[in-house]
């Protein structure tokens, strides 16, 4: 297994550490919002290192919708590029941890349906899309067969 490289952002490092150290009992919400997050463990597309990212918890049955919003920034978050190259991830949702396969959702109907789920879970996504010219990438993480 490759080495883990923590995020350069202190709040991300702290949240991942608390979430994992507590076995998914603490650190399970986004900062002050009280909204649930999951931890996505993925592989760096350049380094091959293990990376861990807290993302909003958006469920679609047994799958998860991963939203590359980065607050509406003009560029995608780095993890988007990692998933495009290395589509096997591990998702921690509280105490449950499972290996999943991700794929980017590009078809209009699929995107529209998943976008509605994402906005229902975290309404600021609409504002983020409005303030950027890029189309915010959506991925679906599905259980590995």
N, C-alpha and C. Protein backbone atom coordinates (compact mmCIF):
# COMPACT_ATOMS: atom_id res chain seq x y z
N UNK A 1 0.85 -1.19 0.00
CA UNK A 1 0.00 0.00 0.00
C UNK A 1 0.89 1.24 0.00
N UNK A 2 0.47 2.26 -0.72
CA UNK A 2 1.23 3.51 -0.80
C UNK A 2 1.10 4.31 0.48
N UNK A 3 2.00 5.26 0.62
CA UNK A 3 1.97 6.14 1.78
C UNK A 3 0.80 7.11 1.69
N UNK A 4 0.33 7.50 2.87
CA UNK A 4 -0.74 8.49 2.97
C UNK A 4 -0.11 9.87 3.02
N UNK A 5 -0.58 10.76 2.15
CA UNK A 5 -0.15 12.16 2.17
C UNK A 5 -1.35 12.99 2.61
N UNK A 6 -1.32 13.54 3.84
CA UNK A 6 -2.44 14.36 4.31
C UNK A 6 -2.61 15.62 3.47
N UNK A 7 -3.80 16.17 3.50
CA UNK A 7 -4.12 17.39 2.78
C UNK A 7 -3.23 18.55 3.24
N UNK A 8 -2.93 19.48 2.35
CA UNK A 8 -2.21 20.69 2.78
C UNK A 8 -3.10 21.61 3.63
N UNK A 9 -4.41 21.40 3.61
CA UNK A 9 -5.33 22.23 4.39
C UNK A 9 -5.49 21.65 5.80
N UNK A 10 -5.21 22.47 6.80
CA UNK A 10 -5.26 22.02 8.19
C UNK A 10 -6.64 21.50 8.58
N UNK A 11 -7.71 22.21 8.20
CA UNK A 11 -9.05 21.77 8.61
C UNK A 11 -9.38 20.39 8.03
N UNK A 12 -8.90 20.11 6.81
CA UNK A 12 -9.14 18.80 6.20
C UNK A 12 -8.37 17.73 6.98
N UNK A 13 -7.10 17.99 7.27
CA UNK A 13 -6.30 17.03 8.06
C UNK A 13 -6.97 16.73 9.40
N UNK A 14 -7.42 17.80 10.07
CA UNK A 14 -8.05 17.64 11.38
C UNK A 14 -9.34 16.83 11.28
N UNK A 15 -10.16 17.13 10.27
CA UNK A 15 -11.44 16.42 10.15
C UNK A 15 -11.23 14.94 9.84
N UNK A 16 -10.34 14.64 8.90
CA UNK A 16 -10.06 13.25 8.54
C UNK A 16 -9.54 12.50 9.77
N UNK A 17 -8.61 13.13 10.49
CA UNK A 17 -8.03 12.49 11.68
C UNK A 17 -9.10 12.21 12.73
N UNK A 18 -9.94 13.19 13.04
CA UNK A 18 -10.99 13.01 14.04
C UNK A 18 -12.00 11.93 13.60
N UNK A 19 -12.41 11.98 12.35
CA UNK A 19 -13.38 11.03 11.81
C UNK A 19 -12.85 9.61 11.96
N UNK A 20 -11.60 9.40 11.54
CA UNK A 20 -11.02 8.05 11.56
C UNK A 20 -10.66 7.61 12.98
N UNK A 21 -10.07 8.50 13.75
CA UNK A 21 -9.64 8.17 15.11
C UNK A 21 -10.84 7.78 15.99
N UNK A 22 -11.99 8.41 15.74
CA UNK A 22 -13.18 8.15 16.55
C UNK A 22 -14.01 6.98 16.00
N UNK A 23 -13.54 6.35 14.93
CA UNK A 23 -14.30 5.25 14.33
C UNK A 23 -15.60 5.74 13.68
N UNK A 24 -15.62 7.00 13.25
CA UNK A 24 -16.80 7.54 12.58
C UNK A 24 -17.86 8.05 13.54
N UNK A 25 -17.50 8.26 14.82
CA UNK A 25 -18.45 8.80 15.79
C UNK A 25 -18.36 10.32 15.89
N UNK A 26 -17.20 10.90 15.50
CA UNK A 26 -17.00 12.34 15.57
C UNK A 26 -16.44 12.83 14.24
N UNK A 27 -16.57 14.14 13.99
CA UNK A 27 -16.04 14.72 12.77
C UNK A 27 -16.86 14.38 11.54
N UNK A 28 -18.11 13.99 11.76
CA UNK A 28 -18.95 13.48 10.67
C UNK A 28 -19.81 14.55 10.02
N UNK A 29 -19.62 15.81 10.43
CA UNK A 29 -20.38 16.89 9.80
C UNK A 29 -19.41 17.96 9.30
N UNK A 30 -19.85 18.71 8.31
CA UNK A 30 -19.02 19.76 7.72
C UNK A 30 -18.96 20.96 8.65
N UNK A 31 -17.81 21.19 9.19
CA UNK A 31 -17.54 22.33 10.06
C UNK A 31 -18.74 22.74 10.89
N UNK A 32 -19.25 23.95 10.66
CA UNK A 32 -20.34 24.48 11.50
C UNK A 32 -21.72 24.19 10.96
N UNK A 33 -21.84 23.48 9.84
CA UNK A 33 -23.15 23.35 9.20
C UNK A 33 -24.02 22.27 9.82
N UNK A 34 -23.41 21.27 10.44
CA UNK A 34 -24.17 20.14 10.95
C UNK A 34 -24.57 19.16 9.86
N UNK A 35 -24.16 19.44 8.61
CA UNK A 35 -24.51 18.56 7.49
C UNK A 35 -23.51 17.42 7.38
N UNK A 36 -23.98 16.20 7.08
CA UNK A 36 -23.11 15.03 7.11
C UNK A 36 -22.09 14.98 5.98
N UNK A 37 -20.92 14.48 6.33
CA UNK A 37 -19.86 14.25 5.35
C UNK A 37 -19.40 12.80 5.41
N UNK A 38 -18.76 12.38 4.34
CA UNK A 38 -18.10 11.09 4.25
C UNK A 38 -16.62 11.37 4.01
N UNK A 39 -15.79 10.37 4.23
CA UNK A 39 -14.37 10.49 3.90
C UNK A 39 -14.12 9.60 2.69
N UNK A 40 -13.59 10.19 1.63
CA UNK A 40 -13.26 9.46 0.41
C UNK A 40 -11.75 9.27 0.38
N UNK A 41 -11.32 8.02 0.38
CA UNK A 41 -9.90 7.69 0.27
C UNK A 41 -9.64 7.32 -1.17
N UNK A 42 -8.69 8.01 -1.79
CA UNK A 42 -8.43 7.82 -3.21
C UNK A 42 -6.92 7.82 -3.45
N UNK A 43 -6.53 7.57 -4.70
CA UNK A 43 -5.12 7.47 -5.05
C UNK A 43 -4.72 8.66 -5.91
N UNK A 44 -3.63 9.31 -5.54
CA UNK A 44 -3.13 10.45 -6.30
C UNK A 44 -2.76 10.05 -7.71
N UNK A 45 -3.19 10.85 -8.69
CA UNK A 45 -2.94 10.49 -10.09
C UNK A 45 -1.49 10.74 -10.49
N UNK A 46 -0.77 11.57 -9.78
CA UNK A 46 0.65 11.82 -10.08
C UNK A 46 1.57 11.08 -9.12
N UNK A 47 1.22 11.10 -7.84
CA UNK A 47 2.10 10.53 -6.81
C UNK A 47 1.84 9.05 -6.55
N UNK A 48 0.61 8.60 -6.82
CA UNK A 48 0.24 7.24 -6.46
C UNK A 48 0.01 7.09 -4.96
N UNK A 49 0.08 8.19 -4.23
CA UNK A 49 -0.09 8.17 -2.78
C UNK A 49 -1.56 8.14 -2.40
N UNK A 50 -1.82 7.68 -1.19
CA UNK A 50 -3.17 7.66 -0.64
C UNK A 50 -3.54 9.08 -0.22
N UNK A 51 -4.73 9.51 -0.62
CA UNK A 51 -5.25 10.82 -0.26
C UNK A 51 -6.62 10.63 0.39
N UNK A 52 -7.01 11.54 1.28
CA UNK A 52 -8.30 11.44 1.97
C UNK A 52 -8.98 12.79 1.94
N UNK A 53 -10.25 12.78 1.50
CA UNK A 53 -11.00 14.01 1.32
C UNK A 53 -12.39 13.90 1.94
N UNK A 54 -12.74 14.83 2.84
CA UNK A 54 -14.13 14.86 3.32
C UNK A 54 -15.01 15.52 2.27
N UNK A 55 -16.12 14.86 1.93
CA UNK A 55 -17.08 15.40 0.96
C UNK A 55 -18.47 15.31 1.55
N UNK A 56 -19.37 16.14 1.04
CA UNK A 56 -20.75 16.10 1.49
C UNK A 56 -21.32 14.70 1.26
N UNK A 57 -22.13 14.24 2.19
CA UNK A 57 -22.77 12.93 2.07
C UNK A 57 -24.03 13.09 1.24
N UNK A 58 -23.97 12.61 0.00
CA UNK A 58 -25.12 12.65 -0.90
C UNK A 58 -25.37 11.21 -1.33
N UNK A 59 -26.46 10.63 -0.87
CA UNK A 59 -26.76 9.22 -1.14
C UNK A 59 -27.70 9.08 -2.34
N UNK A 60 -27.50 7.99 -3.07
CA UNK A 60 -28.40 7.58 -4.14
C UNK A 60 -28.54 6.08 -4.01
N UNK A 61 -29.47 5.65 -3.16
CA UNK A 61 -29.59 4.23 -2.85
C UNK A 61 -28.35 3.76 -2.12
N UNK A 62 -27.69 2.71 -2.65
CA UNK A 62 -26.47 2.19 -2.04
C UNK A 62 -25.23 2.94 -2.54
N UNK A 63 -25.43 3.92 -3.42
CA UNK A 63 -24.32 4.67 -4.02
C UNK A 63 -24.21 6.05 -3.40
N UNK A 64 -23.10 6.72 -3.71
CA UNK A 64 -22.85 8.08 -3.24
C UNK A 64 -22.58 8.98 -4.44
N UNK A 65 -23.06 10.21 -4.37
CA UNK A 65 -22.79 11.21 -5.39
C UNK A 65 -21.65 12.09 -4.86
N UNK A 66 -20.58 12.21 -5.63
CA UNK A 66 -19.43 13.02 -5.24
C UNK A 66 -19.42 14.26 -6.12
N UNK A 67 -19.43 15.43 -5.49
CA UNK A 67 -19.61 16.70 -6.19
C UNK A 67 -18.30 17.49 -6.15
N UNK A 68 -17.73 17.77 -7.31
CA UNK A 68 -16.47 18.50 -7.40
C UNK A 68 -16.65 20.01 -7.43
N UNK A 69 -17.27 20.56 -6.41
CA UNK A 69 -17.64 21.97 -6.43
C UNK A 69 -16.50 22.93 -6.06
N UNK A 70 -15.74 22.60 -5.06
CA UNK A 70 -14.69 23.46 -4.50
C UNK A 70 -15.21 24.88 -4.30
N UNK A 71 -16.45 24.97 -3.79
CA UNK A 71 -17.04 26.26 -3.47
C UNK A 71 -17.28 27.17 -4.66
N UNK A 72 -17.32 26.58 -5.86
CA UNK A 72 -17.53 27.38 -7.06
C UNK A 72 -16.26 28.02 -7.59
N UNK A 73 -15.11 27.51 -7.15
CA UNK A 73 -13.82 28.02 -7.64
C UNK A 73 -13.72 27.78 -9.15
N UNK A 74 -12.83 28.52 -9.83
CA UNK A 74 -12.71 28.38 -11.28
C UNK A 74 -12.07 27.07 -11.73
N UNK A 75 -11.44 26.34 -10.82
CA UNK A 75 -10.80 25.07 -11.17
C UNK A 75 -11.39 23.93 -10.35
N UNK A 76 -11.25 22.73 -10.87
CA UNK A 76 -11.72 21.54 -10.16
C UNK A 76 -10.82 21.25 -8.96
N UNK A 77 -11.38 20.62 -7.93
CA UNK A 77 -10.52 20.15 -6.84
C UNK A 77 -9.60 19.05 -7.38
N UNK A 78 -8.44 18.91 -6.77
CA UNK A 78 -7.45 17.93 -7.23
C UNK A 78 -8.03 16.52 -7.23
N UNK A 79 -8.89 16.21 -6.28
CA UNK A 79 -9.41 14.84 -6.19
C UNK A 79 -10.17 14.44 -7.45
N UNK A 80 -10.75 15.39 -8.18
CA UNK A 80 -11.46 15.08 -9.43
C UNK A 80 -10.51 14.38 -10.41
N UNK A 81 -9.31 14.91 -10.55
CA UNK A 81 -8.32 14.34 -11.47
C UNK A 81 -7.86 12.96 -10.98
N UNK A 82 -7.77 12.81 -9.66
CA UNK A 82 -7.40 11.51 -9.10
C UNK A 82 -8.44 10.45 -9.45
N UNK A 83 -9.73 10.79 -9.30
CA UNK A 83 -10.78 9.81 -9.57
C UNK A 83 -10.87 9.47 -11.05
N UNK A 84 -10.59 10.43 -11.90
CA UNK A 84 -10.64 10.16 -13.35
C UNK A 84 -9.57 9.15 -13.76
N UNK A 85 -8.45 9.13 -13.06
CA UNK A 85 -7.35 8.21 -13.38
C UNK A 85 -7.44 6.92 -12.58
N UNK A 86 -7.84 7.04 -11.31
CA UNK A 86 -7.89 5.88 -10.40
C UNK A 86 -9.30 5.77 -9.82
N UNK A 87 -10.20 5.04 -10.48
CA UNK A 87 -11.61 5.06 -10.08
C UNK A 87 -11.99 4.16 -8.89
N UNK A 88 -11.04 3.49 -8.28
CA UNK A 88 -11.35 2.71 -7.08
C UNK A 88 -11.11 3.57 -5.85
N UNK A 89 -12.13 3.68 -5.01
CA UNK A 89 -12.04 4.49 -3.79
C UNK A 89 -12.54 3.68 -2.61
N UNK A 90 -12.25 4.21 -1.44
CA UNK A 90 -12.83 3.66 -0.22
C UNK A 90 -13.66 4.79 0.38
N UNK A 91 -14.88 4.48 0.76
CA UNK A 91 -15.74 5.50 1.37
C UNK A 91 -16.05 5.09 2.81
N UNK A 92 -15.80 6.05 3.71
CA UNK A 92 -16.14 5.87 5.12
C UNK A 92 -17.35 6.75 5.39
N UNK A 93 -18.43 6.11 5.81
CA UNK A 93 -19.67 6.80 6.18
C UNK A 93 -19.94 6.41 7.63
N UNK A 94 -19.58 7.27 8.55
CA UNK A 94 -19.58 6.97 9.98
C UNK A 94 -18.66 5.76 10.20
N UNK A 95 -19.17 4.64 10.74
CA UNK A 95 -18.30 3.49 11.02
C UNK A 95 -18.18 2.55 9.82
N UNK A 96 -19.07 2.69 8.85
CA UNK A 96 -19.06 1.79 7.68
C UNK A 96 -18.00 2.24 6.67
N UNK A 97 -17.18 1.27 6.26
CA UNK A 97 -16.13 1.55 5.27
C UNK A 97 -16.29 0.53 4.15
N UNK A 98 -16.35 1.02 2.91
CA UNK A 98 -16.46 0.08 1.79
C UNK A 98 -15.70 0.57 0.57
N UNK A 99 -15.19 -0.41 -0.17
CA UNK A 99 -14.51 -0.12 -1.43
C UNK A 99 -15.56 0.06 -2.50
N UNK A 100 -15.38 1.11 -3.30
CA UNK A 100 -16.36 1.43 -4.33
C UNK A 100 -15.66 1.80 -5.63
N UNK A 101 -16.42 1.75 -6.71
CA UNK A 101 -15.93 2.15 -8.02
C UNK A 101 -16.65 3.43 -8.41
N UNK A 102 -15.90 4.43 -8.90
CA UNK A 102 -16.53 5.69 -9.30
C UNK A 102 -16.49 5.85 -10.81
N UNK A 103 -17.47 6.57 -11.28
CA UNK A 103 -17.47 6.97 -12.69
C UNK A 103 -18.06 8.36 -12.75
N UNK A 104 -17.53 9.15 -13.68
CA UNK A 104 -18.03 10.51 -13.86
C UNK A 104 -19.33 10.43 -14.64
N UNK A 105 -20.32 11.18 -14.19
CA UNK A 105 -21.63 11.17 -14.84
C UNK A 105 -21.69 12.37 -15.79
N UNK A 106 -21.77 12.08 -17.08
CA UNK A 106 -21.74 13.14 -18.08
C UNK A 106 -23.04 13.24 -18.88
N UNK A 107 -23.84 12.17 -18.90
CA UNK A 107 -25.08 12.24 -19.68
C UNK A 107 -26.06 13.19 -18.99
N UNK A 108 -26.78 13.95 -19.80
CA UNK A 108 -27.63 15.04 -19.29
C UNK A 108 -28.68 14.55 -18.30
N UNK A 109 -29.37 13.47 -18.62
CA UNK A 109 -30.45 13.00 -17.74
C UNK A 109 -29.89 12.51 -16.40
N UNK A 110 -28.81 11.75 -16.46
CA UNK A 110 -28.18 11.25 -15.24
C UNK A 110 -27.65 12.38 -14.38
N UNK A 111 -27.01 13.35 -15.02
CA UNK A 111 -26.49 14.51 -14.28
C UNK A 111 -27.61 15.30 -13.62
N UNK A 112 -28.68 15.54 -14.36
CA UNK A 112 -29.80 16.33 -13.83
C UNK A 112 -30.39 15.66 -12.59
N UNK A 113 -30.58 14.35 -12.66
CA UNK A 113 -31.15 13.61 -11.52
C UNK A 113 -30.22 13.68 -10.30
N UNK A 114 -28.92 13.44 -10.52
CA UNK A 114 -27.97 13.45 -9.41
C UNK A 114 -27.74 14.86 -8.88
N UNK A 115 -27.79 15.86 -9.76
CA UNK A 115 -27.63 17.24 -9.31
C UNK A 115 -28.75 17.63 -8.35
N UNK A 116 -29.97 17.19 -8.65
CA UNK A 116 -31.10 17.47 -7.75
C UNK A 116 -30.86 16.86 -6.37
N UNK A 117 -30.36 15.64 -6.34
CA UNK A 117 -30.05 14.99 -5.06
C UNK A 117 -28.97 15.78 -4.31
N UNK A 118 -27.95 16.21 -5.05
CA UNK A 118 -26.85 16.95 -4.43
C UNK A 118 -27.34 18.26 -3.83
N UNK A 119 -28.14 19.01 -4.59
CA UNK A 119 -28.64 20.30 -4.11
C UNK A 119 -29.60 20.10 -2.93
N UNK A 120 -30.36 19.03 -2.95
CA UNK A 120 -31.25 18.75 -1.81
C UNK A 120 -30.43 18.49 -0.54
N UNK A 121 -29.29 17.82 -0.69
CA UNK A 121 -28.44 17.53 0.46
C UNK A 121 -27.65 18.75 0.91
N UNK A 122 -27.27 19.61 -0.06
CA UNK A 122 -26.44 20.78 0.24
C UNK A 122 -26.81 21.92 -0.71
N UNK A 123 -27.81 22.73 -0.36
CA UNK A 123 -28.32 23.78 -1.25
C UNK A 123 -27.27 24.75 -1.80
N UNK A 124 -26.17 25.06 -1.10
CA UNK A 124 -25.18 25.98 -1.68
C UNK A 124 -24.57 25.51 -3.01
N UNK A 125 -24.74 24.25 -3.37
CA UNK A 125 -24.20 23.80 -4.67
C UNK A 125 -24.76 24.64 -5.82
N UNK A 126 -26.02 25.05 -5.74
CA UNK A 126 -26.62 25.88 -6.80
C UNK A 126 -25.85 27.19 -6.95
N UNK A 127 -25.56 27.82 -5.82
CA UNK A 127 -24.81 29.07 -5.81
C UNK A 127 -23.39 28.85 -6.36
N UNK A 128 -22.77 27.74 -6.00
CA UNK A 128 -21.41 27.44 -6.48
C UNK A 128 -21.40 27.30 -8.00
N UNK A 129 -22.41 26.61 -8.54
CA UNK A 129 -22.46 26.44 -10.00
C UNK A 129 -22.67 27.79 -10.68
N UNK A 130 -23.48 28.64 -10.08
CA UNK A 130 -23.77 29.95 -10.67
C UNK A 130 -22.55 30.86 -10.70
N UNK A 131 -21.62 30.68 -9.77
CA UNK A 131 -20.48 31.60 -9.71
C UNK A 131 -19.25 31.11 -10.47
N UNK A 132 -19.34 29.96 -11.14
CA UNK A 132 -18.20 29.47 -11.93
C UNK A 132 -18.63 29.20 -13.37
N UNK A 133 -17.68 29.32 -14.28
CA UNK A 133 -17.99 29.02 -15.68
C UNK A 133 -17.80 27.54 -16.00
N UNK A 134 -17.12 26.81 -15.12
CA UNK A 134 -16.93 25.38 -15.39
C UNK A 134 -18.17 24.61 -14.96
N UNK A 135 -18.41 23.50 -15.61
CA UNK A 135 -19.50 22.62 -15.18
C UNK A 135 -18.97 21.77 -14.04
N UNK A 136 -19.57 21.88 -12.88
CA UNK A 136 -19.11 21.14 -11.70
C UNK A 136 -19.23 19.64 -11.98
N UNK A 137 -18.12 18.91 -11.86
CA UNK A 137 -18.16 17.48 -12.14
C UNK A 137 -18.94 16.71 -11.07
N UNK A 138 -19.66 15.69 -11.53
CA UNK A 138 -20.38 14.78 -10.64
C UNK A 138 -19.87 13.37 -10.90
N UNK A 139 -19.65 12.64 -9.82
CA UNK A 139 -19.27 11.24 -9.90
C UNK A 139 -20.27 10.43 -9.11
N UNK A 140 -20.47 9.20 -9.53
CA UNK A 140 -21.27 8.26 -8.75
C UNK A 140 -20.32 7.17 -8.26
N UNK A 141 -20.35 6.92 -6.97
CA UNK A 141 -19.54 5.86 -6.36
C UNK A 141 -20.47 4.70 -6.07
N UNK A 142 -20.20 3.58 -6.71
CA UNK A 142 -21.08 2.41 -6.59
C UNK A 142 -20.32 1.26 -5.94
N UNK A 143 -21.05 0.43 -5.18
CA UNK A 143 -20.39 -0.73 -4.56
C UNK A 143 -19.73 -1.60 -5.63
N UNK A 144 -18.54 -2.09 -5.29
CA UNK A 144 -17.86 -2.98 -6.23
C UNK A 144 -18.59 -4.32 -6.22
N UNK A 145 -18.79 -4.89 -7.41
CA UNK A 145 -19.51 -6.19 -7.48
C UNK A 145 -18.71 -7.31 -6.85
